Amino acid sequence: MEEGRMIFISGGVRSGKSSFAERMATELHLQLPNTKLHYIACGVASDKEMTERIARHQKDRQASNANWETWESPYDVYKIASSFGKTDILVLDCVTTLLNNYLFLREMEDAEQVIQQIWKDVSNLRNTGAAIILVSNEVVHEIPSSSELVQRYQYILGKLHQQIVGEADSAYLVEAGLPVCMKGEKR
């Protein structure tokens, strides 16, 4: 099966990475005829802040005048891969939330098993032939924590980022709303 283009976008909290990903997807959509835009939302409204964040992202997509189809998928994203075709453009927001959901909703403890599961999700989406834009947070720049849970989280996320960037066609780091191309062609 033909693999689609994969773009990785990371940055800190509130860095503008999701907005950049949505703009990039919309630009690709305008350049390529007969494409559909899909937003794969991994967030779960577990508290007031997350509920507000989800509402803000939904409002931003509605205001973009692009025709987004949203898929709520907190984990096991591979199960919806068959819903997409090779002319689709997918935005998965976000890898860190997906990781959180496997660790805390699914209560997966084995780091390698979590990495394999998320890679299964990403690979199945990419194998549809669609263009996929993966959004993630940069949290591994922090001082190493004494907490075993935080150390495991940083280990998993660092390994995932390396694996994704290794396979990605391009990778961006967004800071203060400014995207910096780290790999591939600058958009």
N, C-alpha and C. Protein backbone atom coordinates (compact mmCIF):
# COMPACT_ATOMS: atom_id res chain seq x y z
N MET A 1 0.84 -1.18 0.00
CA MET A 1 0.00 0.00 0.00
C MET A 1 0.89 1.24 0.00
N GLU A 2 0.47 2.25 -0.70
CA GLU A 2 1.24 3.48 -0.82
C GLU A 2 1.16 4.29 0.48
N GLU A 3 2.31 4.73 0.96
CA GLU A 3 2.34 5.57 2.14
C GLU A 3 2.08 7.01 1.74
N GLY A 4 1.40 7.71 2.62
CA GLY A 4 1.16 9.12 2.40
C GLY A 4 2.28 9.96 2.96
N ARG A 5 2.24 11.21 2.65
CA ARG A 5 3.21 12.16 3.17
C ARG A 5 2.97 12.35 4.66
N MET A 6 4.05 12.41 5.44
CA MET A 6 3.93 12.59 6.88
C MET A 6 4.71 13.83 7.31
N ILE A 7 4.01 14.71 8.03
CA ILE A 7 4.59 15.95 8.53
C ILE A 7 4.44 15.96 10.04
N PHE A 8 5.51 16.27 10.74
CA PHE A 8 5.52 16.30 12.20
C PHE A 8 5.68 17.74 12.66
N ILE A 9 4.82 18.17 13.59
CA ILE A 9 4.87 19.53 14.12
C ILE A 9 4.86 19.43 15.64
N SER A 10 5.89 19.98 16.26
CA SER A 10 5.93 19.97 17.72
C SER A 10 6.21 21.38 18.24
N GLY A 11 6.00 21.54 19.52
CA GLY A 11 6.24 22.81 20.16
C GLY A 11 5.73 22.75 21.58
N GLY A 12 5.97 23.79 22.32
CA GLY A 12 5.51 23.86 23.70
C GLY A 12 4.02 24.13 23.77
N VAL A 13 3.50 24.10 24.97
CA VAL A 13 2.09 24.40 25.20
C VAL A 13 1.81 25.83 24.76
N ARG A 14 0.73 26.00 24.03
CA ARG A 14 0.30 27.32 23.52
C ARG A 14 1.32 27.97 22.58
N SER A 15 2.09 27.16 21.88
CA SER A 15 3.11 27.69 20.97
C SER A 15 2.54 28.07 19.61
N GLY A 16 1.34 27.60 19.29
CA GLY A 16 0.75 27.85 17.98
C GLY A 16 0.88 26.66 17.04
N LYS A 17 1.29 25.52 17.55
CA LYS A 17 1.52 24.35 16.69
C LYS A 17 0.24 23.82 16.05
N SER A 18 -0.87 23.80 16.79
CA SER A 18 -2.13 23.30 16.21
C SER A 18 -2.63 24.24 15.12
N SER A 19 -2.54 25.54 15.36
CA SER A 19 -2.96 26.51 14.34
C SER A 19 -2.10 26.37 13.09
N PHE A 20 -0.79 26.19 13.28
CA PHE A 20 0.10 25.99 12.14
C PHE A 20 -0.27 24.73 11.37
N ALA A 21 -0.55 23.65 12.09
CA ALA A 21 -0.94 22.39 11.44
C ALA A 21 -2.23 22.56 10.65
N GLU A 22 -3.20 23.24 11.21
CA GLU A 22 -4.46 23.46 10.51
C GLU A 22 -4.27 24.33 9.28
N ARG A 23 -3.45 25.38 9.39
CA ARG A 23 -3.17 26.23 8.21
C ARG A 23 -2.46 25.43 7.12
N MET A 24 -1.49 24.60 7.53
CA MET A 24 -0.77 23.79 6.56
C MET A 24 -1.72 22.82 5.87
N ALA A 25 -2.60 22.18 6.62
CA ALA A 25 -3.57 21.25 6.04
C ALA A 25 -4.50 21.97 5.08
N THR A 26 -4.94 23.15 5.46
CA THR A 26 -5.84 23.92 4.60
C THR A 26 -5.13 24.34 3.31
N GLU A 27 -3.85 24.73 3.41
CA GLU A 27 -3.08 25.08 2.21
C GLU A 27 -2.92 23.88 1.29
N LEU A 28 -2.62 22.72 1.85
CA LEU A 28 -2.51 21.49 1.04
C LEU A 28 -3.85 21.19 0.37
N HIS A 29 -4.91 21.38 1.11
CA HIS A 29 -6.26 21.13 0.61
C HIS A 29 -6.56 22.02 -0.61
N LEU A 30 -6.14 23.27 -0.55
CA LEU A 30 -6.38 24.19 -1.66
C LEU A 30 -5.52 23.85 -2.88
N GLN A 31 -4.33 23.28 -2.64
CA GLN A 31 -3.42 22.93 -3.74
C GLN A 31 -3.81 21.64 -4.44
N LEU A 32 -4.44 20.75 -3.73
CA LEU A 32 -4.74 19.42 -4.27
C LEU A 32 -6.24 19.26 -4.51
N PRO A 33 -6.63 19.02 -5.73
CA PRO A 33 -8.06 18.88 -6.00
C PRO A 33 -8.62 17.60 -5.39
N ASN A 34 -9.89 17.64 -5.08
CA ASN A 34 -10.64 16.48 -4.57
C ASN A 34 -10.12 15.94 -3.24
N THR A 35 -9.56 16.80 -2.41
CA THR A 35 -9.11 16.35 -1.10
C THR A 35 -10.16 16.66 -0.04
N LYS A 36 -10.10 15.92 1.03
CA LYS A 36 -10.98 16.14 2.18
C LYS A 36 -10.10 16.36 3.40
N LEU A 37 -10.54 17.26 4.28
CA LEU A 37 -9.82 17.56 5.50
C LEU A 37 -10.42 16.80 6.67
N HIS A 38 -9.57 16.10 7.42
CA HIS A 38 -10.02 15.35 8.58
C HIS A 38 -9.17 15.75 9.79
N TYR A 39 -9.84 15.99 10.90
CA TYR A 39 -9.18 16.35 12.14
C TYR A 39 -9.42 15.23 13.12
N ILE A 40 -8.36 14.56 13.53
CA ILE A 40 -8.45 13.46 14.49
C ILE A 40 -8.08 14.03 15.85
N ALA A 41 -9.11 14.19 16.68
CA ALA A 41 -8.95 14.81 17.99
C ALA A 41 -8.79 13.72 19.04
N CYS A 42 -7.68 13.76 19.74
CA CYS A 42 -7.40 12.74 20.77
C CYS A 42 -7.76 13.21 22.16
N GLY A 43 -8.11 14.48 22.30
CA GLY A 43 -8.39 15.04 23.62
C GLY A 43 -9.68 14.52 24.23
N VAL A 44 -9.66 14.40 25.54
CA VAL A 44 -10.83 14.01 26.31
C VAL A 44 -11.11 15.15 27.29
N ALA A 45 -12.35 15.60 27.33
CA ALA A 45 -12.72 16.71 28.21
C ALA A 45 -12.77 16.23 29.66
N SER A 46 -11.59 16.07 30.25
CA SER A 46 -11.49 15.50 31.59
C SER A 46 -11.54 16.54 32.70
N ASP A 47 -11.33 17.80 32.35
CA ASP A 47 -11.41 18.87 33.35
C ASP A 47 -11.79 20.17 32.64
N LYS A 48 -11.95 21.24 33.40
CA LYS A 48 -12.39 22.52 32.84
C LYS A 48 -11.41 23.05 31.78
N GLU A 49 -10.11 22.98 32.07
CA GLU A 49 -9.12 23.49 31.12
C GLU A 49 -9.17 22.74 29.80
N MET A 50 -9.25 21.40 29.87
CA MET A 50 -9.29 20.61 28.64
C MET A 50 -10.60 20.84 27.89
N THR A 51 -11.70 21.00 28.59
CA THR A 51 -12.98 21.29 27.95
C THR A 51 -12.90 22.61 27.19
N GLU A 52 -12.29 23.62 27.82
CA GLU A 52 -12.13 24.93 27.16
C GLU A 52 -11.19 24.84 25.97
N ARG A 53 -10.12 24.07 26.10
CA ARG A 53 -9.14 23.91 25.01
C ARG A 53 -9.81 23.24 23.80
N ILE A 54 -10.58 22.19 24.05
CA ILE A 54 -11.28 21.49 22.97
C ILE A 54 -12.25 22.44 22.29
N ALA A 55 -13.01 23.20 23.07
CA ALA A 55 -13.98 24.15 22.50
C ALA A 55 -13.26 25.20 21.65
N ARG A 56 -12.10 25.68 22.12
CA ARG A 56 -11.34 26.68 21.36
C ARG A 56 -10.86 26.11 20.03
N HIS A 57 -10.36 24.88 20.04
CA HIS A 57 -9.91 24.25 18.80
C HIS A 57 -11.08 24.06 17.83
N GLN A 58 -12.23 23.65 18.34
CA GLN A 58 -13.41 23.48 17.48
C GLN A 58 -13.83 24.82 16.87
N LYS A 59 -13.83 25.85 17.68
CA LYS A 59 -14.19 27.20 17.21
C LYS A 59 -13.20 27.67 16.14
N ASP A 60 -11.91 27.44 16.35
CA ASP A 60 -10.89 27.84 15.38
C ASP A 60 -11.10 27.13 14.04
N ARG A 61 -11.41 25.84 14.08
CA ARG A 61 -11.64 25.11 12.82
C ARG A 61 -12.88 25.62 12.11
N GLN A 62 -13.93 25.92 12.86
CA GLN A 62 -15.15 26.45 12.25
C GLN A 62 -14.90 27.81 11.62
N ALA A 63 -14.08 28.63 12.26
CA ALA A 63 -13.78 29.97 11.75
C ALA A 63 -12.87 29.95 10.53
N SER A 64 -12.22 28.83 10.27
CA SER A 64 -11.26 28.76 9.17
C SER A 64 -11.92 28.69 7.80
N ASN A 65 -13.21 28.49 7.75
CA ASN A 65 -13.97 28.36 6.49
C ASN A 65 -13.55 27.14 5.69
N ALA A 66 -12.84 26.23 6.31
CA ALA A 66 -12.50 24.95 5.67
C ALA A 66 -13.52 23.92 6.14
N ASN A 67 -13.76 22.95 5.32
CA ASN A 67 -14.75 21.93 5.65
C ASN A 67 -14.06 20.74 6.34
N TRP A 68 -13.90 20.85 7.65
CA TRP A 68 -13.25 19.82 8.44
C TRP A 68 -14.26 18.75 8.86
N GLU A 69 -13.86 17.50 8.77
CA GLU A 69 -14.61 16.43 9.40
C GLU A 69 -13.80 16.02 10.62
N THR A 70 -14.43 16.07 11.78
CA THR A 70 -13.72 15.77 13.03
C THR A 70 -14.04 14.35 13.49
N TRP A 71 -12.98 13.69 13.91
CA TRP A 71 -13.06 12.33 14.45
C TRP A 71 -12.56 12.36 15.88
N GLU A 72 -13.37 11.99 16.82
CA GLU A 72 -12.96 11.91 18.22
C GLU A 72 -12.40 10.52 18.45
N SER A 73 -11.11 10.45 18.73
CA SER A 73 -10.47 9.15 18.89
C SER A 73 -9.37 9.25 19.96
N PRO A 74 -9.70 8.99 21.21
CA PRO A 74 -8.72 9.15 22.28
C PRO A 74 -7.62 8.09 22.28
N TYR A 75 -7.86 6.94 21.66
CA TYR A 75 -6.86 5.87 21.52
C TYR A 75 -7.38 4.89 20.48
N ASP A 76 -6.54 3.90 20.15
CA ASP A 76 -6.87 2.93 19.09
C ASP A 76 -7.26 3.64 17.79
N VAL A 77 -6.49 4.64 17.44
CA VAL A 77 -6.75 5.44 16.25
C VAL A 77 -6.69 4.59 14.98
N TYR A 78 -5.91 3.53 15.02
CA TYR A 78 -5.79 2.65 13.85
C TYR A 78 -7.15 2.14 13.38
N LYS A 79 -8.12 2.07 14.29
CA LYS A 79 -9.44 1.53 13.94
C LYS A 79 -10.21 2.41 12.97
N ILE A 80 -9.87 3.70 12.88
CA ILE A 80 -10.58 4.57 11.95
C ILE A 80 -9.81 4.77 10.64
N ALA A 81 -8.64 4.17 10.52
CA ALA A 81 -7.79 4.38 9.33
C ALA A 81 -8.50 4.00 8.04
N SER A 82 -9.33 2.97 8.08
CA SER A 82 -10.02 2.54 6.85
C SER A 82 -11.06 3.57 6.38
N SER A 83 -11.32 4.57 7.18
CA SER A 83 -12.28 5.62 6.82
C SER A 83 -11.68 6.66 5.88
N PHE A 84 -10.35 6.61 5.70
CA PHE A 84 -9.66 7.64 4.93
C PHE A 84 -9.12 7.08 3.62
N GLY A 85 -9.05 7.96 2.63
CA GLY A 85 -8.51 7.57 1.33
C GLY A 85 -7.25 8.33 1.01
N LYS A 86 -6.64 7.95 -0.11
CA LYS A 86 -5.33 8.51 -0.45
C LYS A 86 -5.37 9.99 -0.81
N THR A 87 -6.54 10.55 -1.03
CA THR A 87 -6.61 11.98 -1.32
C THR A 87 -6.98 12.80 -0.08
N ASP A 88 -7.07 12.16 1.06
CA ASP A 88 -7.43 12.88 2.28
C ASP A 88 -6.22 13.50 2.95
N ILE A 89 -6.49 14.55 3.71
CA ILE A 89 -5.48 15.22 4.51
C ILE A 89 -5.92 15.09 5.96
N LEU A 90 -5.05 14.49 6.78
CA LEU A 90 -5.37 14.21 8.17
C LEU A 90 -4.51 15.05 9.10
N VAL A 91 -5.13 15.59 10.13
CA VAL A 91 -4.39 16.23 11.21
C VAL A 91 -4.70 15.44 12.47
N LEU A 92 -3.67 14.89 13.11
CA LEU A 92 -3.84 14.19 14.38
C LEU A 92 -3.32 15.11 15.48
N ASP A 93 -4.21 15.49 16.37
CA ASP A 93 -3.87 16.42 17.45
C ASP A 93 -4.30 15.80 18.77
N CYS A 94 -3.41 15.30 19.55
CA CYS A 94 -1.98 15.33 19.37
C CYS A 94 -1.35 14.06 19.94
N VAL A 95 -0.10 13.81 19.59
CA VAL A 95 0.62 12.60 19.99
C VAL A 95 0.75 12.53 21.51
N THR A 96 1.02 13.66 22.16
CA THR A 96 1.17 13.63 23.62
C THR A 96 -0.15 13.30 24.31
N THR A 97 -1.25 13.80 23.78
CA THR A 97 -2.56 13.46 24.35
C THR A 97 -2.86 11.99 24.13
N LEU A 98 -2.51 11.49 22.95
CA LEU A 98 -2.68 10.06 22.67
C LEU A 98 -1.87 9.23 23.66
N LEU A 99 -0.63 9.65 23.92
CA LEU A 99 0.21 8.97 24.90
C LEU A 99 -0.45 9.01 26.29
N ASN A 100 -0.93 10.17 26.69
CA ASN A 100 -1.62 10.29 27.98
C ASN A 100 -2.78 9.30 28.08
N ASN A 101 -3.53 9.20 27.00
CA ASN A 101 -4.71 8.34 27.01
C ASN A 101 -4.34 6.86 27.14
N TYR A 102 -3.28 6.46 26.48
CA TYR A 102 -2.83 5.07 26.63
C TYR A 102 -2.34 4.81 28.06
N LEU A 103 -1.60 5.76 28.61
CA LEU A 103 -1.06 5.57 29.95
C LEU A 103 -2.13 5.64 31.04
N PHE A 104 -3.06 6.58 30.90
CA PHE A 104 -3.98 6.83 32.02
C PHE A 104 -5.40 6.33 31.79
N LEU A 105 -5.90 6.35 30.56
CA LEU A 105 -7.24 5.80 30.32
C LEU A 105 -7.19 4.29 30.11
N ARG A 106 -6.22 3.87 29.32
CA ARG A 106 -6.06 2.43 29.05
C ARG A 106 -5.17 1.75 30.08
N GLU A 107 -4.51 2.55 30.91
CA GLU A 107 -3.65 2.06 31.98
C GLU A 107 -2.56 1.10 31.50
N MET A 108 -1.98 1.44 30.34
CA MET A 108 -0.86 0.65 29.82
C MET A 108 0.41 1.08 30.57
N GLU A 109 1.17 0.10 31.02
CA GLU A 109 2.35 0.42 31.81
C GLU A 109 3.67 0.16 31.09
N ASP A 110 3.70 -0.80 30.19
CA ASP A 110 4.94 -1.16 29.51
C ASP A 110 5.27 -0.12 28.43
N ALA A 111 6.41 0.55 28.61
CA ALA A 111 6.81 1.63 27.69
C ALA A 111 6.88 1.16 26.25
N GLU A 112 7.51 0.02 26.01
CA GLU A 112 7.66 -0.46 24.63
C GLU A 112 6.31 -0.81 24.02
N GLN A 113 5.40 -1.33 24.82
CA GLN A 113 4.06 -1.64 24.32
C GLN A 113 3.31 -0.37 23.92
N VAL A 114 3.46 0.69 24.71
CA VAL A 114 2.82 1.97 24.39
C VAL A 114 3.40 2.53 23.10
N ILE A 115 4.71 2.50 22.97
CA ILE A 115 5.37 2.99 21.74
C ILE A 115 4.86 2.22 20.53
N GLN A 116 4.80 0.90 20.64
CA GLN A 116 4.31 0.07 19.53
C GLN A 116 2.87 0.40 19.19
N GLN A 117 2.04 0.64 20.19
CA GLN A 117 0.63 0.94 19.95
C GLN A 117 0.46 2.27 19.22
N ILE A 118 1.17 3.28 19.68
CA ILE A 118 1.06 4.59 19.02
C ILE A 118 1.64 4.51 17.62
N TRP A 119 2.74 3.77 17.44
CA TRP A 119 3.30 3.62 16.10
C TRP A 119 2.31 2.88 15.20
N LYS A 120 1.60 1.92 15.73
CA LYS A 120 0.55 1.22 14.98
C LYS A 120 -0.51 2.21 14.52
N ASP A 121 -0.93 3.10 15.41
CA ASP A 121 -1.92 4.12 15.05
C ASP A 121 -1.40 5.00 13.91
N VAL A 122 -0.19 5.53 14.08
CA VAL A 122 0.40 6.44 13.09
C VAL A 122 0.60 5.71 11.76
N SER A 123 1.16 4.53 11.79
CA SER A 123 1.44 3.77 10.56
C SER A 123 0.17 3.44 9.80
N ASN A 124 -0.87 3.04 10.51
CA ASN A 124 -2.12 2.72 9.83
C ASN A 124 -2.73 3.95 9.17
N LEU A 125 -2.62 5.10 9.80
CA LEU A 125 -3.12 6.33 9.17
C LEU A 125 -2.28 6.66 7.94
N ARG A 126 -0.97 6.55 8.06
CA ARG A 126 -0.09 6.87 6.93
C ARG A 126 -0.28 5.88 5.78
N ASN A 127 -0.54 4.63 6.10
CA ASN A 127 -0.69 3.61 5.06
C ASN A 127 -1.97 3.74 4.25
N THR A 128 -2.84 4.65 4.63
CA THR A 128 -4.03 4.91 3.81
C THR A 128 -3.65 5.63 2.53
N GLY A 129 -2.46 6.21 2.52
CA GLY A 129 -2.02 6.99 1.37
C GLY A 129 -2.32 8.46 1.54
N ALA A 130 -3.01 8.80 2.60
CA ALA A 130 -3.35 10.19 2.86
C ALA A 130 -2.12 10.96 3.37
N ALA A 131 -2.21 12.27 3.27
CA ALA A 131 -1.19 13.12 3.90
C ALA A 131 -1.58 13.23 5.37
N ILE A 132 -0.62 13.02 6.25
CA ILE A 132 -0.91 13.11 7.68
C ILE A 132 0.01 14.12 8.34
N ILE A 133 -0.59 14.98 9.14
CA ILE A 133 0.14 15.97 9.91
C ILE A 133 -0.05 15.60 11.38
N LEU A 134 1.06 15.31 12.04
CA LEU A 134 1.04 14.91 13.44
C LEU A 134 1.48 16.07 14.31
N VAL A 135 0.68 16.42 15.28
CA VAL A 135 1.00 17.50 16.22
C VAL A 135 1.42 16.86 17.54
N SER A 136 2.45 17.43 18.18
CA SER A 136 2.89 16.91 19.47
C SER A 136 3.48 18.04 20.30
N ASN A 137 3.64 17.77 21.58
CA ASN A 137 4.22 18.74 22.51
C ASN A 137 5.67 18.40 22.78
N GLU A 138 6.46 19.43 23.00
CA GLU A 138 7.84 19.25 23.43
C GLU A 138 7.88 19.33 24.94
N VAL A 139 8.06 18.20 25.58
CA VAL A 139 8.15 18.18 27.03
C VAL A 139 9.41 17.47 27.50
N VAL A 140 10.25 17.07 26.56
CA VAL A 140 11.46 16.35 26.94
C VAL A 140 12.66 17.28 27.11
N HIS A 141 12.44 18.59 26.97
CA HIS A 141 13.52 19.56 27.18
C HIS A 141 13.67 19.92 28.65
N GLU A 142 12.77 19.43 29.45
CA GLU A 142 12.77 19.77 30.87
C GLU A 142 13.93 19.10 31.60
N ILE A 143 14.19 19.58 32.78
CA ILE A 143 15.19 18.96 33.65
C ILE A 143 14.67 17.57 34.01
N PRO A 144 15.54 16.56 33.98
CA PRO A 144 15.07 15.22 34.34
C PRO A 144 14.40 15.22 35.71
N SER A 145 13.28 14.55 35.77
CA SER A 145 12.49 14.51 36.99
C SER A 145 12.91 13.33 37.86
N SER A 146 12.66 13.46 39.14
CA SER A 146 12.91 12.34 40.05
C SER A 146 11.71 11.40 40.07
N SER A 147 10.60 11.83 39.49
CA SER A 147 9.39 11.00 39.44
C SER A 147 9.55 9.90 38.39
N GLU A 148 9.32 8.67 38.80
CA GLU A 148 9.43 7.54 37.88
C GLU A 148 8.41 7.67 36.74
N LEU A 149 7.21 8.14 37.06
CA LEU A 149 6.17 8.31 36.04
C LEU A 149 6.59 9.34 34.99
N VAL A 150 7.11 10.48 35.44
CA VAL A 150 7.55 11.53 34.51
C VAL A 150 8.72 11.03 33.68
N GLN A 151 9.64 10.30 34.29
CA GLN A 151 10.78 9.75 33.54
C GLN A 151 10.30 8.79 32.46
N ARG A 152 9.34 7.93 32.79
CA ARG A 152 8.80 6.98 31.81
C ARG A 152 8.09 7.73 30.68
N TYR A 153 7.32 8.75 31.04
CA TYR A 153 6.62 9.56 30.06
C TYR A 153 7.61 10.23 29.11
N GLN A 154 8.65 10.84 29.66
CA GLN A 154 9.66 11.51 28.82
C GLN A 154 10.39 10.50 27.94
N TYR A 155 10.68 9.34 28.47
CA TYR A 155 11.34 8.29 27.68
C TYR A 155 10.47 7.89 26.49
N ILE A 156 9.21 7.62 26.77
CA ILE A 156 8.29 7.18 25.70
C ILE A 156 8.14 8.28 24.65
N LEU A 157 7.89 9.50 25.10
CA LEU A 157 7.68 10.59 24.15
C LEU A 157 8.94 10.86 23.33
N GLY A 158 10.09 10.84 23.98
CA GLY A 158 11.35 11.04 23.25
C GLY A 158 11.56 9.99 22.18
N LYS A 159 11.32 8.72 22.53
CA LYS A 159 11.46 7.62 21.56
C LYS A 159 10.46 7.79 20.41
N LEU A 160 9.21 8.14 20.74
CA LEU A 160 8.20 8.34 19.70
C LEU A 160 8.59 9.47 18.75
N HIS A 161 9.01 10.59 19.32
CA HIS A 161 9.40 11.73 18.48
C HIS A 161 10.54 11.34 17.54
N GLN A 162 11.54 10.63 18.06
CA GLN A 162 12.65 10.22 17.21
C GLN A 162 12.17 9.29 16.09
N GLN A 163 11.31 8.35 16.42
CA GLN A 163 10.81 7.42 15.42
C GLN A 163 9.96 8.14 14.37
N ILE A 164 9.09 9.02 14.82
CA ILE A 164 8.22 9.75 13.89
C ILE A 164 9.05 10.65 12.99
N VAL A 165 9.96 11.43 13.57
CA VAL A 165 10.78 12.34 12.77
C VAL A 165 11.67 11.56 11.80
N GLY A 166 12.15 10.41 12.24
CA GLY A 166 12.95 9.57 11.35
C GLY A 166 12.19 9.15 10.10
N GLU A 167 10.90 8.94 10.22
CA GLU A 167 10.06 8.51 9.10
C GLU A 167 9.38 9.67 8.37
N ALA A 168 9.28 10.81 9.02
CA ALA A 168 8.54 11.95 8.47
C ALA A 168 9.24 12.54 7.25
N ASP A 169 8.44 13.09 6.36
CA ASP A 169 8.96 13.81 5.20
C ASP A 169 9.47 15.19 5.61
N SER A 170 8.80 15.78 6.61
CA SER A 170 9.26 17.06 7.13
C SER A 170 8.87 17.18 8.60
N ALA A 171 9.60 18.03 9.31
CA ALA A 171 9.36 18.23 10.74
C ALA A 171 9.57 19.70 11.07
N TYR A 172 8.69 20.22 11.91
CA TYR A 172 8.73 21.62 12.32
C TYR A 172 8.70 21.73 13.83
N LEU A 173 9.37 22.73 14.34
CA LEU A 173 9.28 23.11 15.73
C LEU A 173 8.65 24.50 15.75
N VAL A 174 7.57 24.66 16.49
CA VAL A 174 6.88 25.95 16.57
C VAL A 174 7.13 26.55 17.95
N GLU A 175 7.64 27.77 17.94
CA GLU A 175 7.86 28.51 19.18
C GLU A 175 7.30 29.91 19.00
N ALA A 176 6.47 30.32 19.96
CA ALA A 176 5.85 31.66 19.94
C ALA A 176 5.18 31.94 18.60
N GLY A 177 4.55 30.91 18.03
CA GLY A 177 3.83 31.06 16.78
C GLY A 177 4.69 31.03 15.54
N LEU A 178 5.99 30.86 15.69
CA LEU A 178 6.90 30.86 14.55
C LEU A 178 7.39 29.44 14.26
N PRO A 179 7.04 28.89 13.10
CA PRO A 179 7.51 27.55 12.77
C PRO A 179 8.93 27.58 12.22
N VAL A 180 9.74 26.64 12.70
CA VAL A 180 11.10 26.48 12.21
C VAL A 180 11.18 25.09 11.59
N CYS A 181 11.56 25.03 10.32
CA CYS A 181 11.67 23.74 9.64
C CYS A 181 12.94 23.04 10.11
N MET A 182 12.76 21.85 10.67
CA MET A 182 13.88 21.08 11.19
C MET A 182 14.30 19.97 10.23
N LYS A 183 13.38 19.58 9.33
CA LYS A 183 13.66 18.49 8.38
C LYS A 183 12.74 18.68 7.17
N GLY A 184 13.26 18.44 5.99
CA GLY A 184 12.44 18.49 4.78
C GLY A 184 12.33 19.90 4.21
N GLU A 185 11.35 20.03 3.32
CA GLU A 185 11.14 21.31 2.64
C GLU A 185 10.38 22.27 3.51
N LYS A 186 10.83 23.50 3.55
CA LYS A 186 10.16 24.55 4.29
C LYS A 186 8.89 24.94 3.54
N ARG A 187 7.79 25.11 4.28
CA ARG A 187 6.52 25.53 3.68
C ARG A 187 6.28 26.98 3.94
